[in-house]
Amino acid sequence: MARKLGKTYDVRAGFWGVTGKPCLGIIPPFIEEFNHRMPENCGAGNTRVFVNGRELHQKDLDLLSTRGLPITREKFYIVEISGRVFDEDTGEELDSLGRLAPTVEKANRGFGMKVSCPDNECNAKFILMFTRDNMVFLKSSWTS
């Protein structure tokens, strides 16, 4: 049966996706309209490594660890779109991951969000285009 999925957004780094799935992309951080508390398990994390309050999905950890994120279990990190990483417990700055989305930073806008779930877990499609100053809703189609 198809179900309506919630959208998730990491206001600090700009990671976005749908609830229960790994990250789908990066958009500009600090968009007030999306600034809602993310549940710790919003990305179906199973790694016991936490970034900006959410447990990373294995797919996300695999990607970020290739850029230098430590894979130590039971650790909490703060990651910024600039690639800066901090140990949440000590505040110590760790090695940078490098800029996560240089094109998004340079253009000061995202290039849209589009989600389609062909696996019959859901039937959700939405497209948003926005800048830091405004958001334009282009198209939405949800089947529940």
C-alpha atoms as a PDB file:
ATOM      1  CA  MET A   1       0.000   0.000   0.000  1.00  0.00           C
ATOM      2  CA  ALA A   2       1.322   3.444  -0.857  1.00  0.00           C
ATOM      3  CA  ARG A   3       1.952   5.840   2.022  1.00  0.00           C
ATOM      4  CA  LYS A   4       2.592   9.551   2.329  1.00  0.00           C
ATOM      5  CA  LEU A   5       6.186  10.233   3.338  1.00  0.00           C
ATOM      6  CA  GLY A   6       7.411  13.109   5.469  1.00  0.00           C
ATOM      7  CA  LYS A   7      10.229  15.306   4.268  1.00  0.00           C
ATOM      8  CA  THR A   8      13.356  15.725   6.383  1.00  0.00           C
ATOM      9  CA  TYR A   9      15.805  18.611   6.321  1.00  0.00           C
ATOM     10  CA  ASP A  10      19.022  19.195   8.226  1.00  0.00           C
ATOM     11  CA  VAL A  11      18.960  22.948   8.791  1.00  0.00           C
ATOM     12  CA  ARG A  12      22.658  23.119   9.709  1.00  0.00           C
ATOM     13  CA  ALA A  13      24.146  21.282   6.681  1.00  0.00           C
ATOM     14  CA  GLY A  14      21.295  21.364   4.157  1.00  0.00           C
ATOM     15  CA  PHE A  15      20.942  17.559   3.834  1.00  0.00           C
ATOM     16  CA  TRP A  16      17.402  16.616   2.796  1.00  0.00           C
ATOM     17  CA  GLY A  17      15.375  13.505   2.111  1.00  0.00           C
ATOM     18  CA  VAL A  18      12.218  11.651   3.006  1.00  0.00           C
ATOM     19  CA  THR A  19      11.519   9.960   6.306  1.00  0.00           C
ATOM     20  CA  GLY A  20      12.831   6.415   6.472  1.00  0.00           C
ATOM     21  CA  LYS A  21      15.330   6.818   3.617  1.00  0.00           C
ATOM     22  CA  PRO A  22      18.972   7.914   3.305  1.00  0.00           C
ATOM     23  CA  CYS A  23      19.858  11.486   2.350  1.00  0.00           C
ATOM     24  CA  LEU A  24      18.769  12.452  -1.171  1.00  0.00           C
ATOM     25  CA  GLY A  25      20.752  15.655  -1.628  1.00  0.00           C
ATOM     26  CA  ILE A  26      21.997  18.966  -0.287  1.00  0.00           C
ATOM     27  CA  ILE A  27      20.221  22.302  -0.492  1.00  0.00           C
ATOM     28  CA  PRO A  28      21.124  25.601   1.194  1.00  0.00           C
ATOM     29  CA  PRO A  29      21.157  25.403   4.991  1.00  0.00           C
ATOM     30  CA  PHE A  30      19.196  27.624   7.385  1.00  0.00           C
ATOM     31  CA  ILE A  31      15.937  27.781   5.412  1.00  0.00           C
ATOM     32  CA  GLU A  32      13.520  28.865   8.140  1.00  0.00           C
ATOM     33  CA  GLU A  33      10.449  27.274   6.503  1.00  0.00           C
ATOM     34  CA  PHE A  34      12.113  23.853   6.822  1.00  0.00           C
ATOM     35  CA  ASN A  35      13.553  24.410  10.296  1.00  0.00           C
ATOM     36  CA  HIS A  36      11.764  21.687  12.273  1.00  0.00           C
ATOM     37  CA  ARG A  37      13.207  19.233  14.746  1.00  0.00           C
ATOM     38  CA  MET A  38      14.322  16.033  12.981  1.00  0.00           C
ATOM     39  CA  PRO A  39      13.638  12.771  14.780  1.00  0.00           C
ATOM     40  CA  GLU A  40      16.876  10.939  15.584  1.00  0.00           C
ATOM     41  CA  ASN A  41      15.756   8.010  13.406  1.00  0.00           C
ATOM     42  CA  CYS A  42      14.315  10.007  10.474  1.00  0.00           C
ATOM     43  CA  GLY A  43      16.813   8.526   7.984  1.00  0.00           C
ATOM     44  CA  ALA A  44      16.369   4.882   9.048  1.00  0.00           C
ATOM     45  CA  GLY A  45      19.860   5.040  10.540  1.00  0.00           C
ATOM     46  CA  ASN A  46      21.508   1.851  11.672  1.00  0.00           C
ATOM     47  CA  THR A  47      25.111   2.941  12.253  1.00  0.00           C
ATOM     48  CA  ARG A  48      25.081   4.480  15.768  1.00  0.00           C
ATOM     49  CA  VAL A  49      26.946   7.463  14.236  1.00  0.00           C
ATOM     50  CA  PHE A  50      25.026  10.721  14.572  1.00  0.00           C
ATOM     51  CA  VAL A  51      25.282  13.925  12.531  1.00  0.00           C
ATOM     52  CA  ASN A  52      23.376  17.059  13.530  1.00  0.00           C
ATOM     53  CA  GLY A  53      21.063  15.051  15.748  1.00  0.00           C
ATOM     54  CA  ARG A  54      20.135  12.195  13.420  1.00  0.00           C
ATOM     55  CA  GLU A  55      21.521   8.707  13.170  1.00  0.00           C
ATOM     56  CA  LEU A  56      23.161   8.146   9.803  1.00  0.00           C
ATOM     57  CA  HIS A  57      21.921   5.517   7.395  1.00  0.00           C
ATOM     58  CA  GLN A  58      24.739   3.189   6.312  1.00  0.00           C
ATOM     59  CA  LYS A  59      24.651   4.686   2.812  1.00  0.00           C
ATOM     60  CA  ASP A  60      25.160   8.195   4.241  1.00  0.00           C
ATOM     61  CA  LEU A  61      27.957   7.054   6.563  1.00  0.00           C
ATOM     62  CA  ASP A  62      29.715   5.290   3.689  1.00  0.00           C
ATOM     63  CA  LEU A  63      29.669   8.498   1.648  1.00  0.00           C
ATOM     64  CA  LEU A  64      30.708  10.858   4.449  1.00  0.00           C
ATOM     65  CA  SER A  65      33.444   8.530   5.708  1.00  0.00           C
ATOM     66  CA  THR A  66      35.116   8.635   2.274  1.00  0.00           C
ATOM     67  CA  ARG A  67      35.429  12.388   2.886  1.00  0.00           C
ATOM     68  CA  GLY A  68      36.894  11.875   6.357  1.00  0.00           C
ATOM     69  CA  LEU A  69      34.009  11.577   8.825  1.00  0.00           C
ATOM     70  CA  PRO A  70      35.048   9.196  11.630  1.00  0.00           C
ATOM     71  CA  ILE A  71      33.047   5.965  11.799  1.00  0.00           C
ATOM     72  CA  THR A  72      33.286   5.533  15.572  1.00  0.00           C
ATOM     73  CA  ARG A  73      29.998   4.167  16.899  1.00  0.00           C
ATOM     74  CA  GLU A  74      28.096   6.062  19.603  1.00  0.00           C
ATOM     75  CA  LYS A  75      29.620   9.376  18.490  1.00  0.00           C
ATOM     76  CA  PHE A  76      27.801  12.609  17.806  1.00  0.00           C
ATOM     77  CA  TYR A  77      29.080  15.152  15.285  1.00  0.00           C
ATOM     78  CA  ILE A  78      28.082  18.580  14.034  1.00  0.00           C
ATOM     79  CA  VAL A  79      28.609  18.990  10.292  1.00  0.00           C
ATOM     80  CA  GLU A  80      28.254  22.275   8.430  1.00  0.00           C
ATOM     81  CA  ILE A  81      27.746  22.739   4.670  1.00  0.00           C
ATOM     82  CA  SER A  82      31.290  24.162   4.566  1.00  0.00           C
ATOM     83  CA  GLY A  83      32.516  20.680   5.550  1.00  0.00           C
ATOM     84  CA  ARG A  84      33.589  21.712   9.043  1.00  0.00           C
ATOM     85  CA  VAL A  85      33.090  18.895  11.555  1.00  0.00           C
ATOM     86  CA  PHE A  86      32.896  19.194  15.335  1.00  0.00           C
ATOM     87  CA  ASP A  87      32.716  16.566  18.061  1.00  0.00           C
ATOM     88  CA  GLU A  88      29.346  17.415  19.630  1.00  0.00           C
ATOM     89  CA  ASP A  89      30.442  16.327  23.121  1.00  0.00           C
ATOM     90  CA  THR A  90      33.761  18.217  23.329  1.00  0.00           C
ATOM     91  CA  GLY A  91      33.259  20.992  20.764  1.00  0.00           C
ATOM     92  CA  GLU A  92      36.626  20.074  19.245  1.00  0.00           C
ATOM     93  CA  GLU A  93      36.911  20.828  15.534  1.00  0.00           C
ATOM     94  CA  LEU A  94      37.949  17.737  13.576  1.00  0.00           C
ATOM     95  CA  ASP A  95      39.402  17.427  10.079  1.00  0.00           C
ATOM     96  CA  SER A  96      37.210  19.073   7.455  1.00  0.00           C
ATOM     97  CA  LEU A  97      35.236  16.991   4.968  1.00  0.00           C
ATOM     98  CA  GLY A  98      35.843  19.631   2.303  1.00  0.00           C
ATOM     99  CA  ARG A  99      33.030  21.764   0.961  1.00  0.00           C
ATOM    100  CA  LEU A 100      29.949  19.561   0.715  1.00  0.00           C
ATOM    101  CA  ALA A 101      28.089  21.497  -1.957  1.00  0.00           C
ATOM    102  CA  PRO A 102      30.278  24.190  -3.538  1.00  0.00           C
ATOM    103  CA  THR A 103      27.806  24.891  -6.346  1.00  0.00           C
ATOM    104  CA  VAL A 104      24.947  25.422  -3.875  1.00  0.00           C
ATOM    105  CA  GLU A 105      27.152  27.722  -1.770  1.00  0.00           C
ATOM    106  CA  LYS A 106      28.369  29.733  -4.767  1.00  0.00           C
ATOM    107  CA  ALA A 107      24.939  30.141  -6.378  1.00  0.00           C
ATOM    108  CA  ASN A 108      23.272  30.723  -2.983  1.00  0.00           C
ATOM    109  CA  ARG A 109      20.397  28.546  -4.142  1.00  0.00           C
ATOM    110  CA  GLY A 110      19.457  24.934  -4.542  1.00  0.00           C
ATOM    111  CA  PHE A 111      18.627  23.193  -7.782  1.00  0.00           C
ATOM    112  CA  GLY A 112      15.353  21.695  -6.653  1.00  0.00           C
ATOM    113  CA  MET A 113      14.095  18.667  -4.826  1.00  0.00           C
ATOM    114  CA  LYS A 114      12.448  15.773  -6.614  1.00  0.00           C
ATOM    115  CA  VAL A 115      11.477  12.496  -5.015  1.00  0.00           C
ATOM    116  CA  SER A 116       9.915   9.483  -6.642  1.00  0.00           C
ATOM    117  CA  CYS A 117       9.531   6.134  -4.919  1.00  0.00           C
ATOM    118  CA  PRO A 118       9.194   3.426  -7.571  1.00  0.00           C
ATOM    119  CA  ASP A 119       9.473   0.595  -5.033  1.00  0.00           C
ATOM    120  CA  ASN A 120       5.728   0.772  -4.189  1.00  0.00           C
ATOM    121  CA  GLU A 121       6.546   1.821  -0.631  1.00  0.00           C
ATOM    122  CA  CYS A 122       5.129   5.175  -1.563  1.00  0.00           C
ATOM    123  CA  ASN A 123       3.939   7.198  -4.455  1.00  0.00           C
ATOM    124  CA  ALA A 124       5.292  10.660  -3.783  1.00  0.00           C
ATOM    125  CA  LYS A 125       6.588  13.322  -6.079  1.00  0.00           C
ATOM    126  CA  PHE A 126       7.338  16.923  -5.293  1.00  0.00           C
ATOM    127  CA  ILE A 127       9.547  19.550  -6.818  1.00  0.00           C
ATOM    128  CA  LEU A 128      10.673  22.726  -5.079  1.00  0.00           C
ATOM    129  CA  MET A 129      12.956  25.434  -6.400  1.00  0.00           C
ATOM    130  CA  PHE A 130      14.187  28.096  -4.039  1.00  0.00           C
ATOM    131  CA  THR A 131      16.795  30.570  -2.978  1.00  0.00           C
ATOM    132  CA  ARG A 132      17.567  31.638   0.582  1.00  0.00           C
ATOM    133  CA  ASP A 133      15.056  34.472   0.201  1.00  0.00           C
ATOM    134  CA  ASN A 134      12.096  32.690  -1.342  1.00  0.00           C
ATOM    135  CA  MET A 135      10.740  29.297  -2.199  1.00  0.00           C
ATOM    136  CA  VAL A 136       8.623  28.533  -5.260  1.00  0.00           C
ATOM    137  CA  PHE A 137       6.432  25.468  -5.144  1.00  0.00           C
ATOM    138  CA  LEU A 138       6.377  23.964  -8.641  1.00  0.00           C
ATOM    139  CA  LYS A 139       4.569  20.653  -8.496  1.00  0.00           C
ATOM    140  CA  SER A 140       3.282  18.111  -6.025  1.00  0.00           C
ATOM    141  CA  SER A 141       1.593  14.761  -6.307  1.00  0.00           C
ATOM    142  CA  TRP A 142       0.922  12.527  -3.301  1.00  0.00           C
ATOM    143  CA  THR A 143      -0.959   9.263  -3.225  1.00  0.00           C
ATOM    144  CA  SER A 144      -1.783   7.689   0.096  1.00  0.00           C
END
